[in-house]
C-alpha atoms as a PDB file:
ATOM      1  CA  UNK A   1     203.443 234.624  98.839  1.00  0.00           C
ATOM      2  CA  UNK A   2     204.198 233.414  95.311  1.00  0.00           C
ATOM      3  CA  UNK A   3     207.323 231.680  96.652  1.00  0.00           C
ATOM      4  CA  UNK A   4     205.274 229.920  99.316  1.00  0.00           C
ATOM      5  CA  UNK A   5     202.775 228.745  96.738  1.00  0.00           C
ATOM      6  CA  UNK A   6     205.655 227.496  94.612  1.00  0.00           C
ATOM      7  CA  UNK A   7     207.228 225.628  97.538  1.00  0.00           C
ATOM      8  CA  UNK A   8     203.857 224.088  98.336  1.00  0.00           C
ATOM      9  CA  UNK A   9     203.452 222.964  94.746  1.00  0.00           C
ATOM     10  CA  UNK A  10     206.867 221.268  94.754  1.00  0.00           C
ATOM     11  CA  UNK A  11     206.208 219.513  98.078  1.00  0.00           C
ATOM     12  CA  UNK A  12     202.784 218.255  97.015  1.00  0.00           C
ATOM     13  CA  UNK A  13     204.106 217.071  93.673  1.00  0.00           C
ATOM     14  CA  UNK A  14     206.854 214.862  95.085  1.00  0.00           C
ATOM     15  CA  UNK A  15     205.476 213.908  98.473  1.00  0.00           C
ATOM     16  CA  UNK A  16     204.932 210.162  98.844  1.00  0.00           C
ATOM     17  CA  UNK A  17     206.643 209.333  95.559  1.00  0.00           C
ATOM     18  CA  UNK A  18     209.113 206.464  95.576  1.00  0.00           C
ATOM     19  CA  UNK A  19     211.776 207.995  93.339  1.00  0.00           C
ATOM     20  CA  UNK A  20     211.058 211.720  93.745  1.00  0.00           C
ATOM     21  CA  UNK A  21     212.663 214.027  91.196  1.00  0.00           C
ATOM     22  CA  UNK A  22     213.804 211.064  89.079  1.00  0.00           C
ATOM     23  CA  UNK A  23     210.371 211.383  87.468  1.00  0.00           C
ATOM     24  CA  UNK A  24     211.596 214.692  86.067  1.00  0.00           C
ATOM     25  CA  UNK A  25     214.236 212.839  84.035  1.00  0.00           C
ATOM     26  CA  UNK A  26     212.051 209.981  82.876  1.00  0.00           C
ATOM     27  CA  UNK A  27     209.795 212.070  80.616  1.00  0.00           C
ATOM     28  CA  UNK A  28     212.507 213.618  78.389  1.00  0.00           C
ATOM     29  CA  UNK A  29     214.545 210.399  78.460  1.00  0.00           C
ATOM     30  CA  UNK A  30     211.598 208.236  77.395  1.00  0.00           C
ATOM     31  CA  UNK A  31     210.524 210.724  74.729  1.00  0.00           C
ATOM     32  CA  UNK A  32     214.079 211.026  73.401  1.00  0.00           C
ATOM     33  CA  UNK A  33     214.364 207.237  73.232  1.00  0.00           C
ATOM     34  CA  UNK A  34     211.077 206.851  71.327  1.00  0.00           C
ATOM     35  CA  UNK A  35     211.856 209.731  68.983  1.00  0.00           C
ATOM     36  CA  UNK A  36     215.315 208.261  68.318  1.00  0.00           C
ATOM     37  CA  UNK A  37     213.758 205.019  67.139  1.00  0.00           C
ATOM     38  CA  UNK A  38     210.959 206.551  65.062  1.00  0.00           C
ATOM     39  CA  UNK A  39     212.511 209.715  63.664  1.00  0.00           C
ATOM     40  CA  UNK A  40     216.217 208.891  64.000  1.00  0.00           C
ATOM     41  CA  UNK A  41     216.511 205.229  63.035  1.00  0.00           C
ATOM     42  CA  UNK A  42     213.402 204.640  60.906  1.00  0.00           C
ATOM     43  CA  UNK A  43     212.740 208.012  59.269  1.00  0.00           C
ATOM     44  CA  UNK A  44     216.428 209.051  59.483  1.00  0.00           C
ATOM     45  CA  UNK A  45     215.606 212.737  59.710  1.00  0.00           C
ATOM     46  CA  UNK A  46     218.524 215.201  59.667  1.00  0.00           C
ATOM     47  CA  UNK A  47     219.705 216.814  62.905  1.00  0.00           C
ATOM     48  CA  UNK A  48     222.503 219.043  61.661  1.00  0.00           C
ATOM     49  CA  UNK A  49     225.210 216.556  62.593  1.00  0.00           C
ATOM     50  CA  UNK A  50     224.104 216.248  66.225  1.00  0.00           C
ATOM     51  CA  UNK A  51     223.596 212.688  67.574  1.00  0.00           C
ATOM     52  CA  UNK A  52     219.867 212.107  67.408  1.00  0.00           C
ATOM     53  CA  UNK A  53     219.343 211.046  71.031  1.00  0.00           C
ATOM     54  CA  UNK A  54     221.104 214.162  72.281  1.00  0.00           C
ATOM     55  CA  UNK A  55     219.196 216.304  69.764  1.00  0.00           C
ATOM     56  CA  UNK A  56     215.801 214.993  70.880  1.00  0.00           C
ATOM     57  CA  UNK A  57     216.637 215.070  74.607  1.00  0.00           C
ATOM     58  CA  UNK A  58     217.740 218.713  74.512  1.00  0.00           C
ATOM     59  CA  UNK A  59     214.677 219.604  72.442  1.00  0.00           C
ATOM     60  CA  UNK A  60     212.436 217.863  74.979  1.00  0.00           C
ATOM     61  CA  UNK A  61     213.990 219.923  77.774  1.00  0.00           C
ATOM     62  CA  UNK A  62     212.672 223.088  76.158  1.00  0.00           C
ATOM     63  CA  UNK A  63     209.304 221.581  75.262  1.00  0.00           C
ATOM     64  CA  UNK A  64     208.813 220.104  78.744  1.00  0.00           C
ATOM     65  CA  UNK A  65     209.500 223.483  80.341  1.00  0.00           C
ATOM     66  CA  UNK A  66     206.897 225.156  78.157  1.00  0.00           C
ATOM     67  CA  UNK A  67     204.287 222.415  78.481  1.00  0.00           C
ATOM     68  CA  UNK A  68     204.815 222.094  82.234  1.00  0.00           C
ATOM     69  CA  UNK A  69     204.145 225.799  82.750  1.00  0.00           C
ATOM     70  CA  UNK A  70     200.955 225.618  80.665  1.00  0.00           C
ATOM     71  CA  UNK A  71     199.668 222.311  82.053  1.00  0.00           C
ATOM     72  CA  UNK A  72     200.319 223.214  85.683  1.00  0.00           C
ATOM     73  CA  UNK A  73     199.088 226.803  85.626  1.00  0.00           C
ATOM     74  CA  UNK A  74     195.878 226.135  83.657  1.00  0.00           C
ATOM     75  CA  UNK A  75     194.106 223.992  86.310  1.00  0.00           C
ATOM     76  CA  UNK A  76     195.690 225.744  89.308  1.00  0.00           C
ATOM     77  CA  UNK A  77     192.675 227.911  90.220  1.00  0.00           C
ATOM     78  CA  UNK A  78     190.224 225.028  90.026  1.00  0.00           C
ATOM     79  CA  UNK A  79     192.591 222.807  92.009  1.00  0.00           C
ATOM     80  CA  UNK A  80     192.779 225.482  94.735  1.00  0.00           C
ATOM     81  CA  UNK A  81     189.106 226.452  94.616  1.00  0.00           C
ATOM     82  CA  UNK A  82     188.601 226.364  98.402  1.00  0.00           C
ATOM     83  CA  UNK A  83     191.445 228.836  98.834  1.00  0.00           C
ATOM     84  CA  UNK A  84     190.384 231.054  95.943  1.00  0.00           C
ATOM     85  CA  UNK A  85     186.774 231.311  97.101  1.00  0.00           C
ATOM     86  CA  UNK A  86     187.436 231.961 100.787  1.00  0.00           C
ATOM     87  CA  UNK A  87     190.723 233.854 101.139  1.00  0.00           C
ATOM     88  CA  UNK A  88     191.414 237.305  99.690  1.00  0.00           C
ATOM     89  CA  UNK A  89     194.773 237.589  97.931  1.00  0.00           C
ATOM     90  CA  UNK A  90     195.992 238.360  94.374  1.00  0.00           C
ATOM     91  CA  UNK A  91     194.599 235.326  92.522  1.00  0.00           C
ATOM     92  CA  UNK A  92     197.280 235.578  89.850  1.00  0.00           C
ATOM     93  CA  UNK A  93     199.811 234.286  92.339  1.00  0.00           C
ATOM     94  CA  UNK A  94     198.287 230.819  92.085  1.00  0.00           C
ATOM     95  CA  UNK A  95     199.068 230.172  88.397  1.00  0.00           C
ATOM     96  CA  UNK A  96     202.271 232.221  88.538  1.00  0.00           C
ATOM     97  CA  UNK A  97     203.643 230.094  91.363  1.00  0.00           C
ATOM     98  CA  UNK A  98     203.584 226.971  89.197  1.00  0.00           C
ATOM     99  CA  UNK A  99     206.485 228.409  87.176  1.00  0.00           C
ATOM    100  CA  UNK A 100     208.801 227.760  90.113  1.00  0.00           C
ATOM    101  CA  UNK A 101     208.237 224.002  90.086  1.00  0.00           C
ATOM    102  CA  UNK A 102     208.525 223.906  86.285  1.00  0.00           C
ATOM    103  CA  UNK A 103     211.850 225.759  86.413  1.00  0.00           C
ATOM    104  CA  UNK A 104     213.098 223.455  89.178  1.00  0.00           C
ATOM    105  CA  UNK A 105     212.254 220.408  87.068  1.00  0.00           C
ATOM    106  CA  UNK A 106     213.980 222.030  84.091  1.00  0.00           C
ATOM    107  CA  UNK A 107     217.122 222.717  86.138  1.00  0.00           C
ATOM    108  CA  UNK A 108     217.316 219.085  87.283  1.00  0.00           C
ATOM    109  CA  UNK A 109     216.900 217.758  83.739  1.00  0.00           C
ATOM    110  CA  UNK A 110     219.364 220.346  82.420  1.00  0.00           C
ATOM    111  CA  UNK A 111     222.102 218.816  84.575  1.00  0.00           C
ATOM    112  CA  UNK A 112     221.627 215.516  82.759  1.00  0.00           C
ATOM    113  CA  UNK A 113     221.584 217.404  79.471  1.00  0.00           C
ATOM    114  CA  UNK A 114     224.971 218.920  80.276  1.00  0.00           C
ATOM    115  CA  UNK A 115     226.326 215.477  81.135  1.00  0.00           C
ATOM    116  CA  UNK A 116     225.126 214.206  77.751  1.00  0.00           C
ATOM    117  CA  UNK A 117     226.899 217.090  76.015  1.00  0.00           C
ATOM    118  CA  UNK A 118     230.174 215.868  77.533  1.00  0.00           C
ATOM    119  CA  UNK A 119     229.392 212.228  76.727  1.00  0.00           C
ATOM    120  CA  UNK A 120     228.721 213.047  73.062  1.00  0.00           C
ATOM    121  CA  UNK A 121     231.542 215.629  73.026  1.00  0.00           C
ATOM    122  CA  UNK A 122     229.336 218.420  71.717  1.00  0.00           C
ATOM    123  CA  UNK A 123     230.530 221.953  72.345  1.00  0.00           C
ATOM    124  CA  UNK A 124     227.637 224.462  72.181  1.00  0.00           C
ATOM    125  CA  UNK A 125     230.003 227.427  71.834  1.00  0.00           C
ATOM    126  CA  UNK A 126     229.356 230.991  72.921  1.00  0.00           C
ATOM    127  CA  UNK A 127     225.626 230.675  72.221  1.00  0.00           C
ATOM    128  CA  UNK A 128     225.214 228.948  75.571  1.00  0.00           C
ATOM    129  CA  UNK A 129     225.448 232.386  77.192  1.00  0.00           C
ATOM    130  CA  UNK A 130     222.037 233.209  75.701  1.00  0.00           C
ATOM    131  CA  UNK A 131     220.380 230.143  77.252  1.00  0.00           C
ATOM    132  CA  UNK A 132     218.791 232.091  80.176  1.00  0.00           C
ATOM    133  CA  UNK A 133     217.116 234.391  77.640  1.00  0.00           C
ATOM    134  CA  UNK A 134     215.416 231.504  75.812  1.00  0.00           C
ATOM    135  CA  UNK A 135     214.409 229.851  79.094  1.00  0.00           C
ATOM    136  CA  UNK A 136     212.784 233.097  80.211  1.00  0.00           C
ATOM    137  CA  UNK A 137     210.956 233.472  76.888  1.00  0.00           C
ATOM    138  CA  UNK A 138     209.683 229.885  76.981  1.00  0.00           C
ATOM    139  CA  UNK A 139     208.415 230.504  80.527  1.00  0.00           C
ATOM    140  CA  UNK A 140     206.748 233.808  79.554  1.00  0.00           C
ATOM    141  CA  UNK A 141     205.035 232.258  76.544  1.00  0.00           C
ATOM    142  CA  UNK A 142     203.800 229.316  78.588  1.00  0.00           C
ATOM    143  CA  UNK A 143     202.686 231.571  81.421  1.00  0.00           C
ATOM    144  CA  UNK A 144     200.711 233.822  79.111  1.00  0.00           C
ATOM    145  CA  UNK A 145     198.818 230.839  77.727  1.00  0.00           C
ATOM    146  CA  UNK A 146     198.476 229.343  81.204  1.00  0.00           C
ATOM    147  CA  UNK A 147     197.031 232.521  82.717  1.00  0.00           C
ATOM    148  CA  UNK A 148     194.371 232.764  80.024  1.00  0.00           C
ATOM    149  CA  UNK A 149     193.589 229.037  80.239  1.00  0.00           C
ATOM    150  CA  UNK A 150     193.295 229.140  84.037  1.00  0.00           C
ATOM    151  CA  UNK A 151     190.802 232.006  83.826  1.00  0.00           C
ATOM    152  CA  UNK A 152     188.773 230.264  81.115  1.00  0.00           C
ATOM    153  CA  UNK A 153     188.795 226.967  83.011  1.00  0.00           C
ATOM    154  CA  UNK A 154     187.015 228.561  85.966  1.00  0.00           C
ATOM    155  CA  UNK A 155     184.079 229.398  83.693  1.00  0.00           C
ATOM    156  CA  UNK A 156     184.381 226.593  81.151  1.00  0.00           C
ATOM    157  CA  UNK A 157     185.582 223.265  82.537  1.00  0.00           C
ATOM    158  CA  UNK A 158     185.792 222.017  78.947  1.00  0.00           C
ATOM    159  CA  UNK A 159     189.241 223.637  78.849  1.00  0.00           C
ATOM    160  CA  UNK A 160     190.654 220.796  80.938  1.00  0.00           C
ATOM    161  CA  UNK A 161     189.719 218.346  78.168  1.00  0.00           C
ATOM    162  CA  UNK A 162     190.675 220.516  75.221  1.00  0.00           C
ATOM    163  CA  UNK A 163     194.058 221.696  76.510  1.00  0.00           C
ATOM    164  CA  UNK A 164     195.848 218.289  76.549  1.00  0.00           C
ATOM    165  CA  UNK A 165     194.758 217.710  72.952  1.00  0.00           C
ATOM    166  CA  UNK A 166     195.972 221.172  71.906  1.00  0.00           C
ATOM    167  CA  UNK A 167     199.327 220.586  73.595  1.00  0.00           C
ATOM    168  CA  UNK A 168     199.723 217.217  71.893  1.00  0.00           C
ATOM    169  CA  UNK A 169     199.067 218.761  68.487  1.00  0.00           C
ATOM    170  CA  UNK A 170     201.465 221.605  69.298  1.00  0.00           C
ATOM    171  CA  UNK A 171     204.209 219.087  70.160  1.00  0.00           C
ATOM    172  CA  UNK A 172     204.187 217.637  66.645  1.00  0.00           C
ATOM    173  CA  UNK A 173     203.522 220.998  64.986  1.00  0.00           C
ATOM    174  CA  UNK A 174     206.746 222.290  66.561  1.00  0.00           C
ATOM    175  CA  UNK A 175     210.188 221.040  65.429  1.00  0.00           C
ATOM    176  CA  UNK A 176     210.919 219.154  68.651  1.00  0.00           C
ATOM    177  CA  UNK A 177     211.542 215.622  67.423  1.00  0.00           C
ATOM    178  CA  UNK A 178     212.952 216.883  64.138  1.00  0.00           C
ATOM    179  CA  UNK A 179     214.849 219.887  62.850  1.00  0.00           C
ATOM    180  CA  UNK A 180     213.360 222.603  60.691  1.00  0.00           C
ATOM    181  CA  UNK A 181     215.648 221.384  57.901  1.00  0.00           C
ATOM    182  CA  UNK A 182     213.607 218.176  57.746  1.00  0.00           C
ATOM    183  CA  UNK A 183     210.428 220.083  56.850  1.00  0.00           C
ATOM    184  CA  UNK A 184     209.588 220.130  53.108  1.00  0.00           C
ATOM    185  CA  UNK A 185     210.467 223.482  51.541  1.00  0.00           C
ATOM    186  CA  UNK A 186     206.861 224.197  50.599  1.00  0.00           C
ATOM    187  CA  UNK A 187     205.741 223.805  54.238  1.00  0.00           C
ATOM    188  CA  UNK A 188     208.503 225.704  56.043  1.00  0.00           C
ATOM    189  CA  UNK A 189     206.466 228.929  55.980  1.00  0.00           C
ATOM    190  CA  UNK A 190     203.678 227.168  57.863  1.00  0.00           C
ATOM    191  CA  UNK A 191     206.006 226.005  60.647  1.00  0.00           C
ATOM    192  CA  UNK A 192     207.549 229.462  60.799  1.00  0.00           C
ATOM    193  CA  UNK A 193     204.167 230.861  61.831  1.00  0.00           C
ATOM    194  CA  UNK A 194     204.602 229.029  65.119  1.00  0.00           C
ATOM    195  CA  UNK A 195     206.510 231.110  67.739  1.00  0.00           C
ATOM    196  CA  UNK A 196     207.587 227.876  69.413  1.00  0.00           C
ATOM    197  CA  UNK A 197     209.553 227.078  66.261  1.00  0.00           C
ATOM    198  CA  UNK A 198     211.566 230.258  66.665  1.00  0.00           C
ATOM    199  CA  UNK A 199     212.265 229.561  70.336  1.00  0.00           C
ATOM    200  CA  UNK A 200     213.193 225.932  69.674  1.00  0.00           C
ATOM    201  CA  UNK A 201     215.713 226.992  67.040  1.00  0.00           C
ATOM    202  CA  UNK A 202     217.168 229.527  69.473  1.00  0.00           C
ATOM    203  CA  UNK A 203     217.322 226.984  72.299  1.00  0.00           C
ATOM    204  CA  UNK A 204     219.110 224.377  70.186  1.00  0.00           C
ATOM    205  CA  UNK A 205     221.542 227.007  68.944  1.00  0.00           C
ATOM    206  CA  UNK A 206     222.533 227.705  72.552  1.00  0.00           C
ATOM    207  CA  UNK A 207     222.591 224.105  73.771  1.00  0.00           C
ATOM    208  CA  UNK A 208     223.809 222.178  70.729  1.00  0.00           C
ATOM    209  CA  UNK A 209     225.728 224.753  68.721  1.00  0.00           C
ATOM    210  CA  UNK A 210     223.475 224.295  65.689  1.00  0.00           C
ATOM    211  CA  UNK A 211     223.173 227.001  63.040  1.00  0.00           C
ATOM    212  CA  UNK A 212     222.168 230.388  64.405  1.00  0.00           C
ATOM    213  CA  UNK A 213     218.471 231.148  63.892  1.00  0.00           C
ATOM    214  CA  UNK A 214     217.450 233.876  61.488  1.00  0.00           C
ATOM    215  CA  UNK A 215     217.490 237.370  62.940  1.00  0.00           C
ATOM    216  CA  UNK A 216     213.740 237.726  62.424  1.00  0.00           C
ATOM    217  CA  UNK A 217     213.144 234.571  64.498  1.00  0.00           C
ATOM    218  CA  UNK A 218     215.175 235.970  67.390  1.00  0.00           C
ATOM    219  CA  UNK A 219     213.442 239.347  67.228  1.00  0.00           C
ATOM    220  CA  UNK A 220     210.047 237.672  66.863  1.00  0.00           C
ATOM    221  CA  UNK A 221     210.615 235.452  69.894  1.00  0.00           C
ATOM    222  CA  UNK A 222     211.739 238.400  72.017  1.00  0.00           C
ATOM    223  CA  UNK A 223     208.611 240.339  71.062  1.00  0.00           C
ATOM    224  CA  UNK A 224     205.927 237.641  70.949  1.00  0.00           C
ATOM    225  CA  UNK A 225     206.607 235.903  74.277  1.00  0.00           C
ATOM    226  CA  UNK A 226     206.173 239.065  76.423  1.00  0.00           C
ATOM    227  CA  UNK A 227     203.152 240.102  74.336  1.00  0.00           C
ATOM    228  CA  UNK A 228     201.462 236.719  74.908  1.00  0.00           C
ATOM    229  CA  UNK A 229     202.215 237.015  78.624  1.00  0.00           C
ATOM    230  CA  UNK A 230     200.710 240.506  78.667  1.00  0.00           C
ATOM    231  CA  UNK A 231     197.591 239.324  76.826  1.00  0.00           C
ATOM    232  CA  UNK A 232     197.226 236.399  79.228  1.00  0.00           C
ATOM    233  CA  UNK A 233     197.487 238.830  82.144  1.00  0.00           C
ATOM    234  CA  UNK A 234     194.766 241.031  80.661  1.00  0.00           C
ATOM    235  CA  UNK A 235     192.434 238.050  80.145  1.00  0.00           C
ATOM    236  CA  UNK A 236     193.079 236.887  83.692  1.00  0.00           C
ATOM    237  CA  UNK A 237     192.488 240.280  85.290  1.00  0.00           C
ATOM    238  CA  UNK A 238     189.241 240.827  83.380  1.00  0.00           C
ATOM    239  CA  UNK A 239     187.866 237.530  84.717  1.00  0.00           C
ATOM    240  CA  UNK A 240     189.329 237.705  88.229  1.00  0.00           C
ATOM    241  CA  UNK A 241     186.326 239.372  89.888  1.00  0.00           C
ATOM    242  CA  UNK A 242     184.053 236.473  88.980  1.00  0.00           C
ATOM    243  CA  UNK A 243     186.315 233.666  90.195  1.00  0.00           C
ATOM    244  CA  UNK A 244     184.872 233.409  93.706  1.00  0.00           C
ATOM    245  CA  UNK A 245     181.308 233.197  92.367  1.00  0.00           C
ATOM    246  CA  UNK A 246     181.984 230.709  89.567  1.00  0.00           C
ATOM    247  CA  UNK A 247     184.520 228.382  91.090  1.00  0.00           C
END
């Protein structure tokens, strides 16, 4: 059933669009272009020797995967309220199914990312073998937040207004458009409190061959992402019985 929900989400998302999945490429491309001008050309932030456009595009791949999972799963119950209130089935399948479309979008954009690696002649090295691990952890982290947000949104519709703002702040609070090396030494500890920082460093290590992240960042990412997913599941299950009445 989760697969069917996922297929339905993909069909509805791209039905009656003129350029279809090309929209998947426009977001990271546009963001990478803007970041290249602001952070690459004007601010001239360091990227560890990686061409800035490639650096920002690859970073946006990871961020877009995470944000897509959160932004699509959070409103999924409200968007399917007629189904949730009338048909009996495991409600968690609704937000979980959105991961499929997010992963499909990521896979399409990843193909262009690989092409750019060849164009810029960047060899990621053996770290690329760990890429599926970081993708899974990004998805788990996003899904944990998305599950909790979807449950809260049924009761508090304010979540739909707060969440985009939170995600925008998180984008700039995470080293996406810049490397961790560009952060002032006295503020690095603050950025290191963000689990997305750890995952971003791991992702760029695998895709761009940048310096390997610290061991504690790898261990932290492997632990925190499943824990957040578990907590999101608990929040969702505790609220599930009231969905039909509140929605």
